[in-house]
Amino acid sequence: MGKFADAFSSDIGIDLGTCNTLIYVRGKGIVICEPSVVAVERGTKKVMAVGSEAKRMLWKTPGDIIAIRPLRDGVIADLETTEKMIRYFISKVLPKRWFVKPRMVIGVPTCITEVERRAVEESAYKAGAREVKVIEESLAAAIGAEMPIFEPAGHMVCDIGGGTTEISVISLGGMVVTNAIRLGGDEFDEAIIKHVRNVHNLIIGEQTSENLKMTIGNAYPDKKIEKMEIKGTDAITGLPRRLEIDSVEVREALQEPINAVIEEIKKTLGQTPPELAADIVERGIVMTGGGSLLKGLPRLISKETGVPVILAEDALLCVAKGAGMYFEYSKQGGNYSRTIYNNLNSL
């Protein structure tokens, strides 16, 4: 029955991110890429909107509707709302009447606790999963980036999400060294908000900060200085005000969180066994996650570490793709291990 169910069920990979939720379905690819936001009715907690529609309501709702981000720093902050969000997204991608319940693989940060890990599993089971596998985000990212992780060689992946950054060294399908910090794209946004308020006495929201980061944000000095006009509330008068800001100032605002990421990468490299470190110097560091898309960040990390840095293709999608491909990749790893075992026995 187990093999029968596996043959007819859908394998679903989920990147349950602080900022975005991505869902990969085997045979279909990425089918959902929407903000991790749920709008509910106050009191009844009835779901009014999920995803992109709910994000447009963030900080703009009337008193009877609350827009919630149920995940913070890569973990579930609101279990009930997270379950509703997962159930909503799954209902969009699977038929209403499932012949066999799906298997779900969910990528989570290594820095979460066992209680937080069980909360993720519980949400998936309540949302309709037949089987749930929770794996480390960096392992899922490496699979999604199509790195040959079952080789007897060192591979380093740095996944920068909305709430966490995870750096791992992988060899023979397992993680040799891994470090994670609860810092990601959200902290980049908060650094910009803080800078604009401290320097210009202007209060801006998360959406304005995120747009500023994505439009003219950079981590490495560029010859071309870009400018952008933003709008917010004057911290002194309380009146609306416009401000023009340039890319140099945004880079200065981002310096502290970016330095924290670089220090964590250096720390991981320092903990890596010499033979695997030699492989990484040759093969480079692969960067995944939405935070890695910040302009100039791979170049800055390469300069600071002296190691080549490669931005993965479809970096934002790697964790979801890798989670969805996990069961197939596990078979490859098992076949690889059996081949080595048989070769040793034939000697």
C-alpha atoms as a PDB file:
ATOM      1  CA  MET A   1       0.000   0.000   0.000  1.00  0.00           C
ATOM      2  CA  GLY A   2       2.881   2.348   0.760  1.00  0.00           C
ATOM      3  CA  LYS A   3       4.357   1.973  -2.745  1.00  0.00           C
ATOM      4  CA  PHE A   4       0.878   2.330  -4.274  1.00  0.00           C
ATOM      5  CA  ALA A   5       0.268   5.557  -2.333  1.00  0.00           C
ATOM      6  CA  ASP A   6       3.697   6.926  -3.299  1.00  0.00           C
ATOM      7  CA  ALA A   7       2.976   6.268  -6.973  1.00  0.00           C
ATOM      8  CA  PHE A   8      -0.345   8.121  -7.004  1.00  0.00           C
ATOM      9  CA  SER A   9       0.211  10.885  -4.459  1.00  0.00           C
ATOM     10  CA  SER A  10       1.736  14.290  -5.108  1.00  0.00           C
ATOM     11  CA  ASP A  11       5.115  15.176  -3.660  1.00  0.00           C
ATOM     12  CA  ILE A  12       4.976  18.761  -2.449  1.00  0.00           C
ATOM     13  CA  GLY A  13       7.970  20.859  -1.431  1.00  0.00           C
ATOM     14  CA  ILE A  14       7.296  23.920   0.716  1.00  0.00           C
ATOM     15  CA  ASP A  15       9.567  26.835   1.507  1.00  0.00           C
ATOM     16  CA  LEU A  16       7.674  28.231   4.478  1.00  0.00           C
ATOM     17  CA  GLY A  17       9.412  31.582   4.506  1.00  0.00           C
ATOM     18  CA  THR A  18       9.069  34.613   6.740  1.00  0.00           C
ATOM     19  CA  CYS A  19       8.373  36.827   3.723  1.00  0.00           C
ATOM     20  CA  ASN A  20       7.148  34.413   1.035  1.00  0.00           C
ATOM     21  CA  THR A  21       5.717  30.912   0.836  1.00  0.00           C
ATOM     22  CA  LEU A  22       6.749  28.892  -2.210  1.00  0.00           C
ATOM     23  CA  ILE A  23       5.257  25.536  -3.175  1.00  0.00           C
ATOM     24  CA  TYR A  24       6.759  23.039  -5.615  1.00  0.00           C
ATOM     25  CA  VAL A  25       4.698  20.110  -6.945  1.00  0.00           C
ATOM     26  CA  ARG A  26       6.513  17.164  -8.525  1.00  0.00           C
ATOM     27  CA  GLY A  27       5.943  17.210 -12.274  1.00  0.00           C
ATOM     28  CA  LYS A  28       4.604  20.787 -12.268  1.00  0.00           C
ATOM     29  CA  GLY A  29       7.413  22.873 -10.768  1.00  0.00           C
ATOM     30  CA  ILE A  30       6.822  26.013  -8.680  1.00  0.00           C
ATOM     31  CA  VAL A  31       3.068  26.579  -8.523  1.00  0.00           C
ATOM     32  CA  ILE A  32       2.800  29.083  -5.644  1.00  0.00           C
ATOM     33  CA  CYS A  33       5.037  32.044  -4.839  1.00  0.00           C
ATOM     34  CA  GLU A  34       3.095  34.419  -2.613  1.00  0.00           C
ATOM     35  CA  PRO A  35       3.710  36.556   0.488  1.00  0.00           C
ATOM     36  CA  SER A  36       3.309  34.789   3.847  1.00  0.00           C
ATOM     37  CA  VAL A  37       0.478  37.074   4.946  1.00  0.00           C
ATOM     38  CA  VAL A  38      -3.084  36.243   6.061  1.00  0.00           C
ATOM     39  CA  ALA A  39      -5.898  38.757   6.570  1.00  0.00           C
ATOM     40  CA  VAL A  40      -8.444  37.612   9.178  1.00  0.00           C
ATOM     41  CA  GLU A  41     -11.594  39.072  10.700  1.00  0.00           C
ATOM     42  CA  ARG A  42     -11.013  40.299  14.235  1.00  0.00           C
ATOM     43  CA  GLY A  43     -12.794  38.180  16.845  1.00  0.00           C
ATOM     44  CA  THR A  44     -13.968  35.353  14.541  1.00  0.00           C
ATOM     45  CA  LYS A  45     -10.526  34.848  12.906  1.00  0.00           C
ATOM     46  CA  LYS A  46     -12.323  34.115   9.636  1.00  0.00           C
ATOM     47  CA  VAL A  47      -9.838  34.240   6.735  1.00  0.00           C
ATOM     48  CA  MET A  48     -10.548  37.203   4.461  1.00  0.00           C
ATOM     49  CA  ALA A  49      -7.509  37.003   2.154  1.00  0.00           C
ATOM     50  CA  VAL A  50      -4.209  35.126   1.811  1.00  0.00           C
ATOM     51  CA  GLY A  51      -0.956  35.879   0.000  1.00  0.00           C
ATOM     52  CA  SER A  52      -0.615  38.835  -2.381  1.00  0.00           C
ATOM     53  CA  GLU A  53      -4.121  40.125  -1.716  1.00  0.00           C
ATOM     54  CA  ALA A  54      -3.524  40.021   2.056  1.00  0.00           C
ATOM     55  CA  LYS A  55      -0.138  41.752   1.735  1.00  0.00           C
ATOM     56  CA  ARG A  56      -1.786  44.715   0.045  1.00  0.00           C
ATOM     57  CA  MET A  57      -3.852  45.051   3.227  1.00  0.00           C
ATOM     58  CA  LEU A  58      -0.815  45.040   5.551  1.00  0.00           C
ATOM     59  CA  TRP A  59      -0.897  48.161   7.781  1.00  0.00           C
ATOM     60  CA  LYS A  60      -3.910  49.452   5.775  1.00  0.00           C
ATOM     61  CA  THR A  61      -6.804  47.459   7.255  1.00  0.00           C
ATOM     62  CA  PRO A  62      -9.883  48.849   9.064  1.00  0.00           C
ATOM     63  CA  GLY A  63     -10.422  47.976  12.719  1.00  0.00           C
ATOM     64  CA  ASP A  64     -12.363  44.753  12.078  1.00  0.00           C
ATOM     65  CA  ILE A  65      -9.698  43.140   9.829  1.00  0.00           C
ATOM     66  CA  ILE A  66      -6.158  42.155  10.868  1.00  0.00           C
ATOM     67  CA  ALA A  67      -3.366  41.409   8.392  1.00  0.00           C
ATOM     68  CA  ILE A  68      -0.991  38.896  10.011  1.00  0.00           C
ATOM     69  CA  ARG A  69       2.461  37.599   9.113  1.00  0.00           C
ATOM     70  CA  PRO A  70       2.280  34.211  10.894  1.00  0.00           C
ATOM     71  CA  LEU A  71       6.017  33.497  10.606  1.00  0.00           C
ATOM     72  CA  ARG A  72       8.827  35.430  12.245  1.00  0.00           C
ATOM     73  CA  ASP A  73      12.563  34.773  11.965  1.00  0.00           C
ATOM     74  CA  GLY A  74      11.910  31.644   9.922  1.00  0.00           C
ATOM     75  CA  VAL A  75       9.609  29.992  12.497  1.00  0.00           C
ATOM     76  CA  ILE A  76       5.893  29.788  13.191  1.00  0.00           C
ATOM     77  CA  ALA A  77       4.678  32.586  15.442  1.00  0.00           C
ATOM     78  CA  ASP A  78       0.958  31.829  14.956  1.00  0.00           C
ATOM     79  CA  LEU A  79       0.235  28.102  14.529  1.00  0.00           C
ATOM     80  CA  GLU A  80      -3.478  28.381  13.745  1.00  0.00           C
ATOM     81  CA  THR A  81      -3.014  31.064  11.074  1.00  0.00           C
ATOM     82  CA  THR A  82      -0.069  29.182   9.512  1.00  0.00           C
ATOM     83  CA  GLU A  83      -2.216  26.053   9.201  1.00  0.00           C
ATOM     84  CA  LYS A  84      -4.961  28.054   7.468  1.00  0.00           C
ATOM     85  CA  MET A  85      -2.410  29.596   5.101  1.00  0.00           C
ATOM     86  CA  ILE A  86      -0.874  26.219   4.143  1.00  0.00           C
ATOM     87  CA  ARG A  87      -4.340  24.673   3.685  1.00  0.00           C
ATOM     88  CA  TYR A  88      -5.385  27.584   1.438  1.00  0.00           C
ATOM     89  CA  PHE A  89      -2.288  27.309  -0.768  1.00  0.00           C
ATOM     90  CA  ILE A  90      -2.553  23.498  -1.011  1.00  0.00           C
ATOM     91  CA  SER A  91      -6.236  23.760  -2.015  1.00  0.00           C
ATOM     92  CA  LYS A  92      -5.177  26.033  -4.894  1.00  0.00           C
ATOM     93  CA  VAL A  93      -2.708  23.541  -6.361  1.00  0.00           C
ATOM     94  CA  LEU A  94      -4.390  20.162  -5.752  1.00  0.00           C
ATOM     95  CA  PRO A  95      -7.813  18.841  -6.826  1.00  0.00           C
ATOM     96  CA  LYS A  96     -10.631  19.300  -4.325  1.00  0.00           C
ATOM     97  CA  ARG A  97     -10.993  15.550  -3.962  1.00  0.00           C
ATOM     98  CA  TRP A  98      -7.567  14.054  -3.407  1.00  0.00           C
ATOM     99  CA  PHE A  99      -7.249  10.400  -4.417  1.00  0.00           C
ATOM    100  CA  VAL A 100      -4.304  10.019  -2.039  1.00  0.00           C
ATOM    101  CA  LYS A 101      -3.108  12.636   0.428  1.00  0.00           C
ATOM    102  CA  PRO A 102       0.199  14.280  -0.582  1.00  0.00           C
ATOM    103  CA  ARG A 103       3.651  13.819   0.899  1.00  0.00           C
ATOM    104  CA  MET A 104       5.113  17.140   2.031  1.00  0.00           C
ATOM    105  CA  VAL A 105       8.728  18.138   2.530  1.00  0.00           C
ATOM    106  CA  ILE A 106       9.267  21.457   4.325  1.00  0.00           C
ATOM    107  CA  GLY A 107      12.533  23.364   4.588  1.00  0.00           C
ATOM    108  CA  VAL A 108      13.252  24.881   8.025  1.00  0.00           C
ATOM    109  CA  PRO A 109      16.257  26.738   9.514  1.00  0.00           C
ATOM    110  CA  THR A 110      18.679  24.668  11.601  1.00  0.00           C
ATOM    111  CA  CYS A 111      18.488  27.261  14.392  1.00  0.00           C
ATOM    112  CA  ILE A 112      14.873  26.429  15.302  1.00  0.00           C
ATOM    113  CA  THR A 113      14.049  24.455  18.434  1.00  0.00           C
ATOM    114  CA  GLU A 114      12.503  20.971  18.541  1.00  0.00           C
ATOM    115  CA  VAL A 115       9.209  22.528  19.689  1.00  0.00           C
ATOM    116  CA  GLU A 116       9.228  24.893  16.677  1.00  0.00           C
ATOM    117  CA  ARG A 117      10.071  21.959  14.390  1.00  0.00           C
ATOM    118  CA  ARG A 118       7.103  19.974  15.687  1.00  0.00           C
ATOM    119  CA  ALA A 119       4.866  23.013  15.146  1.00  0.00           C
ATOM    120  CA  VAL A 120       5.803  22.973  11.445  1.00  0.00           C
ATOM    121  CA  GLU A 121       5.001  19.251  11.180  1.00  0.00           C
ATOM    122  CA  GLU A 122       1.698  19.684  12.991  1.00  0.00           C
ATOM    123  CA  SER A 123       0.646  22.504  10.632  1.00  0.00           C
ATOM    124  CA  ALA A 124       1.389  20.339   7.586  1.00  0.00           C
ATOM    125  CA  TYR A 125      -0.525  17.313   8.919  1.00  0.00           C
ATOM    126  CA  LYS A 126      -3.536  19.474   9.807  1.00  0.00           C
ATOM    127  CA  ALA A 127      -3.402  20.979   6.309  1.00  0.00           C
ATOM    128  CA  GLY A 128      -3.893  17.492   4.828  1.00  0.00           C
ATOM    129  CA  ALA A 129      -0.488  15.826   4.432  1.00  0.00           C
ATOM    130  CA  ARG A 130      -0.154  12.008   4.460  1.00  0.00           C
ATOM    131  CA  GLU A 131       3.541  12.144   5.303  1.00  0.00           C
ATOM    132  CA  VAL A 132       5.663  15.098   6.431  1.00  0.00           C
ATOM    133  CA  LYS A 133       9.439  15.370   6.231  1.00  0.00           C
ATOM    134  CA  VAL A 134      11.168  18.412   7.720  1.00  0.00           C
ATOM    135  CA  ILE A 135      14.668  19.094   6.355  1.00  0.00           C
ATOM    136  CA  GLU A 136      17.245  21.832   6.803  1.00  0.00           C
ATOM    137  CA  GLU A 137      16.834  24.804   4.457  1.00  0.00           C
ATOM    138  CA  SER A 138      20.452  24.737   3.323  1.00  0.00           C
ATOM    139  CA  LEU A 139      20.167  21.056   2.348  1.00  0.00           C
ATOM    140  CA  ALA A 140      16.977  21.802   0.395  1.00  0.00           C
ATOM    141  CA  ALA A 141      18.666  24.829  -1.207  1.00  0.00           C
ATOM    142  CA  ALA A 142      21.660  22.712  -2.286  1.00  0.00           C
ATOM    143  CA  ILE A 143      19.337  20.140  -3.889  1.00  0.00           C
ATOM    144  CA  GLY A 144      17.324  22.896  -5.592  1.00  0.00           C
ATOM    145  CA  ALA A 145      20.538  24.473  -6.920  1.00  0.00           C
ATOM    146  CA  GLU A 146      21.416  21.022  -8.353  1.00  0.00           C
ATOM    147  CA  MET A 147      24.674  20.761  -6.431  1.00  0.00           C
ATOM    148  CA  PRO A 148      26.261  17.244  -6.514  1.00  0.00           C
ATOM    149  CA  ILE A 149      25.936  16.851  -2.746  1.00  0.00           C
ATOM    150  CA  PHE A 150      26.427  13.063  -2.699  1.00  0.00           C
ATOM    151  CA  GLU A 151      29.979  13.353  -3.987  1.00  0.00           C
ATOM    152  CA  PRO A 152      32.835  12.875  -1.466  1.00  0.00           C
ATOM    153  CA  ALA A 153      33.697  16.575  -1.751  1.00  0.00           C
ATOM    154  CA  GLY A 154      32.928  19.787   0.110  1.00  0.00           C
ATOM    155  CA  HIS A 155      30.108  22.046  -1.092  1.00  0.00           C
ATOM    156  CA  MET A 156      29.180  25.284   0.682  1.00  0.00           C
ATOM    157  CA  VAL A 157      25.752  26.879   0.391  1.00  0.00           C
ATOM    158  CA  CYS A 158      24.643  30.188   1.904  1.00  0.00           C
ATOM    159  CA  ASP A 159      20.863  30.643   2.021  1.00  0.00           C
ATOM    160  CA  ILE A 160      19.649  34.139   2.961  1.00  0.00           C
ATOM    161  CA  GLY A 161      15.913  34.161   3.583  1.00  0.00           C
ATOM    162  CA  GLY A 162      13.547  36.730   5.004  1.00  0.00           C
ATOM    163  CA  GLY A 163      14.159  35.874   8.640  1.00  0.00           C
ATOM    164  CA  THR A 164      17.253  33.663   8.753  1.00  0.00           C
ATOM    165  CA  THR A 165      20.635  33.146   7.112  1.00  0.00           C
ATOM    166  CA  GLU A 166      22.007  29.615   7.023  1.00  0.00           C
ATOM    167  CA  ILE A 167      25.502  28.584   5.896  1.00  0.00           C
ATOM    168  CA  SER A 168      26.366  24.898   5.530  1.00  0.00           C
ATOM    169  CA  VAL A 169      29.146  22.685   4.238  1.00  0.00           C
ATOM    170  CA  ILE A 170      27.745  19.496   2.697  1.00  0.00           C
ATOM    171  CA  SER A 171      29.554  16.289   1.707  1.00  0.00           C
ATOM    172  CA  LEU A 172      28.238  12.788   0.912  1.00  0.00           C
ATOM    173  CA  GLY A 173      24.657  14.016   1.317  1.00  0.00           C
ATOM    174  CA  GLY A 174      25.093  15.217   4.908  1.00  0.00           C
ATOM    175  CA  MET A 175      25.925  18.484   6.590  1.00  0.00           C
ATOM    176  CA  VAL A 176      29.454  18.563   7.984  1.00  0.00           C
ATOM    177  CA  VAL A 177      29.297  22.107   9.359  1.00  0.00           C
ATOM    178  CA  THR A 178      26.283  24.360   9.641  1.00  0.00           C
ATOM    179  CA  ASN A 179      25.615  27.741  11.232  1.00  0.00           C
ATOM    180  CA  ALA A 180      22.460  29.837  11.212  1.00  0.00           C
ATOM    181  CA  ILE A 181      21.510  33.268  12.498  1.00  0.00           C
ATOM    182  CA  ARG A 182      18.082  34.833  12.817  1.00  0.00           C
ATOM    183  CA  LEU A 183      18.898  37.625  10.396  1.00  0.00           C
ATOM    184  CA  GLY A 184      17.783  38.034   6.796  1.00  0.00           C
ATOM    185  CA  GLY A 185      15.909  40.261   4.385  1.00  0.00           C
ATOM    186  CA  ASP A 186      13.614  41.593   7.129  1.00  0.00           C
ATOM    187  CA  GLU A 187      16.636  42.931   9.026  1.00  0.00           C
ATOM    188  CA  PHE A 188      17.876  44.571   5.811  1.00  0.00           C
ATOM    189  CA  ASP A 189      14.509  46.385   5.603  1.00  0.00           C
ATOM    190  CA  GLU A 190      14.587  47.354   9.291  1.00  0.00           C
ATOM    191  CA  ALA A 191      18.122  48.759   8.915  1.00  0.00           C
ATOM    192  CA  ILE A 192      16.906  51.057   6.128  1.00  0.00           C
ATOM    193  CA  ILE A 193      13.865  52.159   8.188  1.00  0.00           C
ATOM    194  CA  LYS A 194      16.100  52.931  11.173  1.00  0.00           C
ATOM    195  CA  HIS A 195      18.631  54.861   9.057  1.00  0.00           C
ATOM    196  CA  VAL A 196      15.997  57.016   7.332  1.00  0.00           C
ATOM    197  CA  ARG A 197      14.417  57.907  10.674  1.00  0.00           C
ATOM    198  CA  ASN A 198      17.710  58.640  12.458  1.00  0.00           C
ATOM    199  CA  VAL A 199      19.296  60.664   9.642  1.00  0.00           C
ATOM    200  CA  HIS A 200      16.286  62.313   7.973  1.00  0.00           C
ATOM    201  CA  ASN A 201      13.587  62.267  10.698  1.00  0.00           C
ATOM    202  CA  LEU A 202      11.303  60.449   8.252  1.00  0.00           C
ATOM    203  CA  ILE A 203       9.170  57.451   9.230  1.00  0.00           C
ATOM    204  CA  ILE A 204       8.662  54.932   6.423  1.00  0.00           C
ATOM    205  CA  GLY A 205       6.908  51.559   6.343  1.00  0.00           C
ATOM    206  CA  GLU A 206       8.167  48.053   5.551  1.00  0.00           C
ATOM    207  CA  GLN A 207       6.843  48.082   1.988  1.00  0.00           C
ATOM    208  CA  THR A 208       8.615  51.368   1.199  1.00  0.00           C
ATOM    209  CA  SER A 209      11.842  50.058   2.716  1.00  0.00           C
ATOM    210  CA  GLU A 210      11.622  46.775   0.803  1.00  0.00           C
ATOM    211  CA  ASN A 211      10.957  48.614  -2.453  1.00  0.00           C
ATOM    212  CA  LEU A 212      13.947  50.898  -1.804  1.00  0.00           C
ATOM    213  CA  LYS A 213      16.199  47.879  -1.122  1.00  0.00           C
ATOM    214  CA  MET A 214      15.089  46.046  -4.257  1.00  0.00           C
ATOM    215  CA  THR A 215      15.208  49.086  -6.561  1.00  0.00           C
ATOM    216  CA  ILE A 216      18.479  50.870  -5.678  1.00  0.00           C
ATOM    217  CA  GLY A 217      19.913  48.786  -2.813  1.00  0.00           C
ATOM    218  CA  ASN A 218      23.455  47.447  -3.215  1.00  0.00           C
ATOM    219  CA  ALA A 219      26.167  45.897  -1.090  1.00  0.00           C
ATOM    220  CA  TYR A 220      29.217  46.780  -3.194  1.00  0.00           C
ATOM    221  CA  PRO A 221      30.300  50.261  -4.394  1.00  0.00           C
ATOM    222  CA  ASP A 222      29.049  50.939  -7.898  1.00  0.00           C
ATOM    223  CA  LYS A 223      30.171  53.547 -10.425  1.00  0.00           C
ATOM    224  CA  LYS A 224      26.583  54.565 -11.095  1.00  0.00           C
ATOM    225  CA  ILE A 225      24.800  56.277  -8.203  1.00  0.00           C
ATOM    226  CA  GLU A 226      21.059  55.681  -8.400  1.00  0.00           C
ATOM    227  CA  LYS A 227      18.407  57.828  -6.743  1.00  0.00           C
ATOM    228  CA  MET A 228      14.818  57.231  -5.684  1.00  0.00           C
ATOM    229  CA  GLU A 229      12.067  59.323  -4.166  1.00  0.00           C
ATOM    230  CA  ILE A 230      10.279  57.929  -1.105  1.00  0.00           C
ATOM    231  CA  LYS A 231       7.311  59.167   0.924  1.00  0.00           C
ATOM    232  CA  GLY A 232       6.703  58.925   4.645  1.00  0.00           C
ATOM    233  CA  THR A 233       5.701  60.814   7.790  1.00  0.00           C
ATOM    234  CA  ASP A 234       7.863  63.549   9.253  1.00  0.00           C
ATOM    235  CA  ALA A 235       8.891  62.395  12.752  1.00  0.00           C
ATOM    236  CA  ILE A 236       8.779  65.983  14.106  1.00  0.00           C
ATOM    237  CA  THR A 237       5.726  67.580  12.474  1.00  0.00           C
ATOM    238  CA  GLY A 238       3.712  64.396  11.868  1.00  0.00           C
ATOM    239  CA  LEU A 239       2.961  65.569   8.304  1.00  0.00           C
ATOM    240  CA  PRO A 240       3.532  63.615   5.061  1.00  0.00           C
ATOM    241  CA  ARG A 241       6.856  64.361   3.380  1.00  0.00           C
ATOM    242  CA  ARG A 242       8.893  63.333   0.337  1.00  0.00           C
ATOM    243  CA  LEU A 243      12.605  62.511   0.357  1.00  0.00           C
ATOM    244  CA  GLU A 244      15.119  61.684  -2.353  1.00  0.00           C
ATOM    245  CA  ILE A 245      17.691  59.095  -1.288  1.00  0.00           C
ATOM    246  CA  ASP A 246      20.615  57.591  -3.234  1.00  0.00           C
ATOM    247  CA  SER A 247      22.164  54.120  -3.462  1.00  0.00           C
ATOM    248  CA  VAL A 248      25.288  55.146  -1.507  1.00  0.00           C
ATOM    249  CA  GLU A 249      23.175  55.998   1.532  1.00  0.00           C
ATOM    250  CA  VAL A 250      21.196  52.752   1.241  1.00  0.00           C
ATOM    251  CA  ARG A 251      24.476  50.799   1.144  1.00  0.00           C
ATOM    252  CA  GLU A 252      25.621  52.548   4.323  1.00  0.00           C
ATOM    253  CA  ALA A 253      22.306  51.686   5.999  1.00  0.00           C
ATOM    254  CA  LEU A 254      22.716  47.993   5.100  1.00  0.00           C
ATOM    255  CA  GLN A 255      26.310  47.742   6.286  1.00  0.00           C
ATOM    256  CA  GLU A 256      25.614  46.330   9.780  1.00  0.00           C
ATOM    257  CA  PRO A 257      23.377  43.346   8.820  1.00  0.00           C
ATOM    258  CA  ILE A 258      25.550  42.549   5.794  1.00  0.00           C
ATOM    259  CA  ASN A 259      28.682  42.471   7.963  1.00  0.00           C
ATOM    260  CA  ALA A 260      26.906  40.050  10.331  1.00  0.00           C
ATOM    261  CA  VAL A 261      26.231  37.683   7.398  1.00  0.00           C
ATOM    262  CA  ILE A 262      29.855  37.902   6.221  1.00  0.00           C
ATOM    263  CA  GLU A 263      31.165  37.172   9.727  1.00  0.00           C
ATOM    264  CA  GLU A 264      28.968  34.066   9.925  1.00  0.00           C
ATOM    265  CA  ILE A 265      30.330  32.856   6.562  1.00  0.00           C
ATOM    266  CA  LYS A 266      33.912  33.399   7.777  1.00  0.00           C
ATOM    267  CA  LYS A 267      33.095  31.529  10.995  1.00  0.00           C
ATOM    268  CA  THR A 268      31.751  28.552   9.004  1.00  0.00           C
ATOM    269  CA  LEU A 269      34.805  28.514   6.744  1.00  0.00           C
ATOM    270  CA  GLY A 270      37.010  28.520   9.847  1.00  0.00           C
ATOM    271  CA  GLN A 271      35.178  25.449  11.209  1.00  0.00           C
ATOM    272  CA  THR A 272      35.444  23.497   7.947  1.00  0.00           C
ATOM    273  CA  PRO A 273      37.944  20.583   7.790  1.00  0.00           C
ATOM    274  CA  PRO A 274      40.987  21.474   5.613  1.00  0.00           C
ATOM    275  CA  GLU A 275      40.278  18.949   2.823  1.00  0.00           C
ATOM    276  CA  LEU A 276      36.707  20.182   2.424  1.00  0.00           C
ATOM    277  CA  ALA A 277      37.865  23.819   2.623  1.00  0.00           C
ATOM    278  CA  ALA A 278      40.190  23.123  -0.318  1.00  0.00           C
ATOM    279  CA  ASP A 279      37.180  21.884  -2.326  1.00  0.00           C
ATOM    280  CA  ILE A 280      35.219  25.028  -1.461  1.00  0.00           C
ATOM    281  CA  VAL A 281      38.081  27.308  -2.589  1.00  0.00           C
ATOM    282  CA  GLU A 282      37.994  25.476  -5.933  1.00  0.00           C
ATOM    283  CA  ARG A 283      34.207  25.151  -6.328  1.00  0.00           C
ATOM    284  CA  GLY A 284      33.085  28.358  -4.610  1.00  0.00           C
ATOM    285  CA  ILE A 285      30.201  29.302  -2.314  1.00  0.00           C
ATOM    286  CA  VAL A 286      26.721  28.933  -3.820  1.00  0.00           C
ATOM    287  CA  MET A 287      24.238  31.604  -2.696  1.00  0.00           C
ATOM    288  CA  THR A 288      20.485  31.041  -2.584  1.00  0.00           C
ATOM    289  CA  GLY A 289      17.433  32.757  -1.102  1.00  0.00           C
ATOM    290  CA  GLY A 290      15.803  36.110  -1.778  1.00  0.00           C
ATOM    291  CA  GLY A 291      18.340  38.014   0.342  1.00  0.00           C
ATOM    292  CA  SER A 292      21.196  36.866  -1.885  1.00  0.00           C
ATOM    293  CA  LEU A 293      19.640  38.825  -4.765  1.00  0.00           C
ATOM    294  CA  LEU A 294      20.772  42.117  -3.206  1.00  0.00           C
ATOM    295  CA  LYS A 295      22.903  43.784  -5.858  1.00  0.00           C
ATOM    296  CA  GLY A 296      26.646  43.344  -5.340  1.00  0.00           C
ATOM    297  CA  LEU A 297      26.330  40.992  -2.334  1.00  0.00           C
ATOM    298  CA  PRO A 298      28.033  37.948  -3.959  1.00  0.00           C
ATOM    299  CA  ARG A 299      30.885  40.194  -5.120  1.00  0.00           C
ATOM    300  CA  LEU A 300      31.367  41.670  -1.631  1.00  0.00           C
ATOM    301  CA  ILE A 301      31.376  38.230   0.039  1.00  0.00           C
ATOM    302  CA  SER A 302      33.934  36.964  -2.475  1.00  0.00           C
ATOM    303  CA  LYS A 303      36.178  39.967  -1.769  1.00  0.00           C
ATOM    304  CA  GLU A 304      35.903  39.554   2.022  1.00  0.00           C
ATOM    305  CA  THR A 305      36.483  35.773   2.081  1.00  0.00           C
ATOM    306  CA  GLY A 306      38.808  35.283  -0.888  1.00  0.00           C
ATOM    307  CA  VAL A 307      36.531  32.473  -2.138  1.00  0.00           C
ATOM    308  CA  PRO A 308      34.597  32.510  -5.442  1.00  0.00           C
ATOM    309  CA  VAL A 309      30.868  33.124  -4.945  1.00  0.00           C
ATOM    310  CA  ILE A 310      28.197  31.896  -7.362  1.00  0.00           C
ATOM    311  CA  LEU A 311      24.604  33.118  -7.315  1.00  0.00           C
ATOM    312  CA  ALA A 312      22.362  30.114  -7.969  1.00  0.00           C
ATOM    313  CA  GLU A 313      19.985  30.211 -10.895  1.00  0.00           C
ATOM    314  CA  ASP A 314      16.477  31.012  -9.609  1.00  0.00           C
ATOM    315  CA  ALA A 315      17.990  31.660  -6.160  1.00  0.00           C
ATOM    316  CA  LEU A 316      14.614  32.549  -4.628  1.00  0.00           C
ATOM    317  CA  LEU A 317      13.119  29.187  -5.663  1.00  0.00           C
ATOM    318  CA  CYS A 318      15.906  26.816  -4.589  1.00  0.00           C
ATOM    319  CA  VAL A 319      14.572  25.773  -1.161  1.00  0.00           C
ATOM    320  CA  ALA A 320      11.081  24.965  -2.497  1.00  0.00           C
ATOM    321  CA  LYS A 321      12.495  23.108  -5.520  1.00  0.00           C
ATOM    322  CA  GLY A 322      14.937  21.164  -3.368  1.00  0.00           C
ATOM    323  CA  ALA A 323      12.216  20.201  -0.883  1.00  0.00           C
ATOM    324  CA  GLY A 324      10.019  18.972  -3.728  1.00  0.00           C
ATOM    325  CA  MET A 325      12.897  16.959  -5.227  1.00  0.00           C
ATOM    326  CA  TYR A 326      13.975  15.525  -1.856  1.00  0.00           C
ATOM    327  CA  PHE A 327      12.463  12.032  -2.208  1.00  0.00           C
ATOM    328  CA  GLU A 328      13.932  11.566  -5.697  1.00  0.00           C
ATOM    329  CA  TYR A 329      17.321  12.869  -4.528  1.00  0.00           C
ATOM    330  CA  SER A 330      17.232  10.500  -1.554  1.00  0.00           C
ATOM    331  CA  LYS A 331      16.876   7.575  -3.967  1.00  0.00           C
ATOM    332  CA  GLN A 332      19.919   8.819  -5.897  1.00  0.00           C
ATOM    333  CA  GLY A 333      21.885   9.057  -2.661  1.00  0.00           C
ATOM    334  CA  GLY A 334      20.852   5.538  -1.683  1.00  0.00           C
ATOM    335  CA  ASN A 335      21.881   4.191  -5.095  1.00  0.00           C
ATOM    336  CA  TYR A 336      25.199   6.041  -4.836  1.00  0.00           C
ATOM    337  CA  SER A 337      25.882   4.572  -1.380  1.00  0.00           C
ATOM    338  CA  ARG A 338      24.989   1.052  -2.528  1.00  0.00           C
ATOM    339  CA  THR A 339      27.312   1.387  -5.531  1.00  0.00           C
ATOM    340  CA  ILE A 340      30.237   2.365  -3.249  1.00  0.00           C
ATOM    341  CA  TYR A 341      29.388  -0.502  -0.868  1.00  0.00           C
ATOM    342  CA  ASN A 342      29.263  -3.051  -3.726  1.00  0.00           C
ATOM    343  CA  ASN A 343      32.536  -1.755  -5.171  1.00  0.00           C
ATOM    344  CA  LEU A 344      34.262  -2.111  -1.777  1.00  0.00           C
ATOM    345  CA  ASN A 345      32.948  -5.653  -1.349  1.00  0.00           C
ATOM    346  CA  SER A 346      34.253  -6.642  -4.780  1.00  0.00           C
ATOM    347  CA  LEU A 347      37.825  -5.656  -3.875  1.00  0.00           C
END
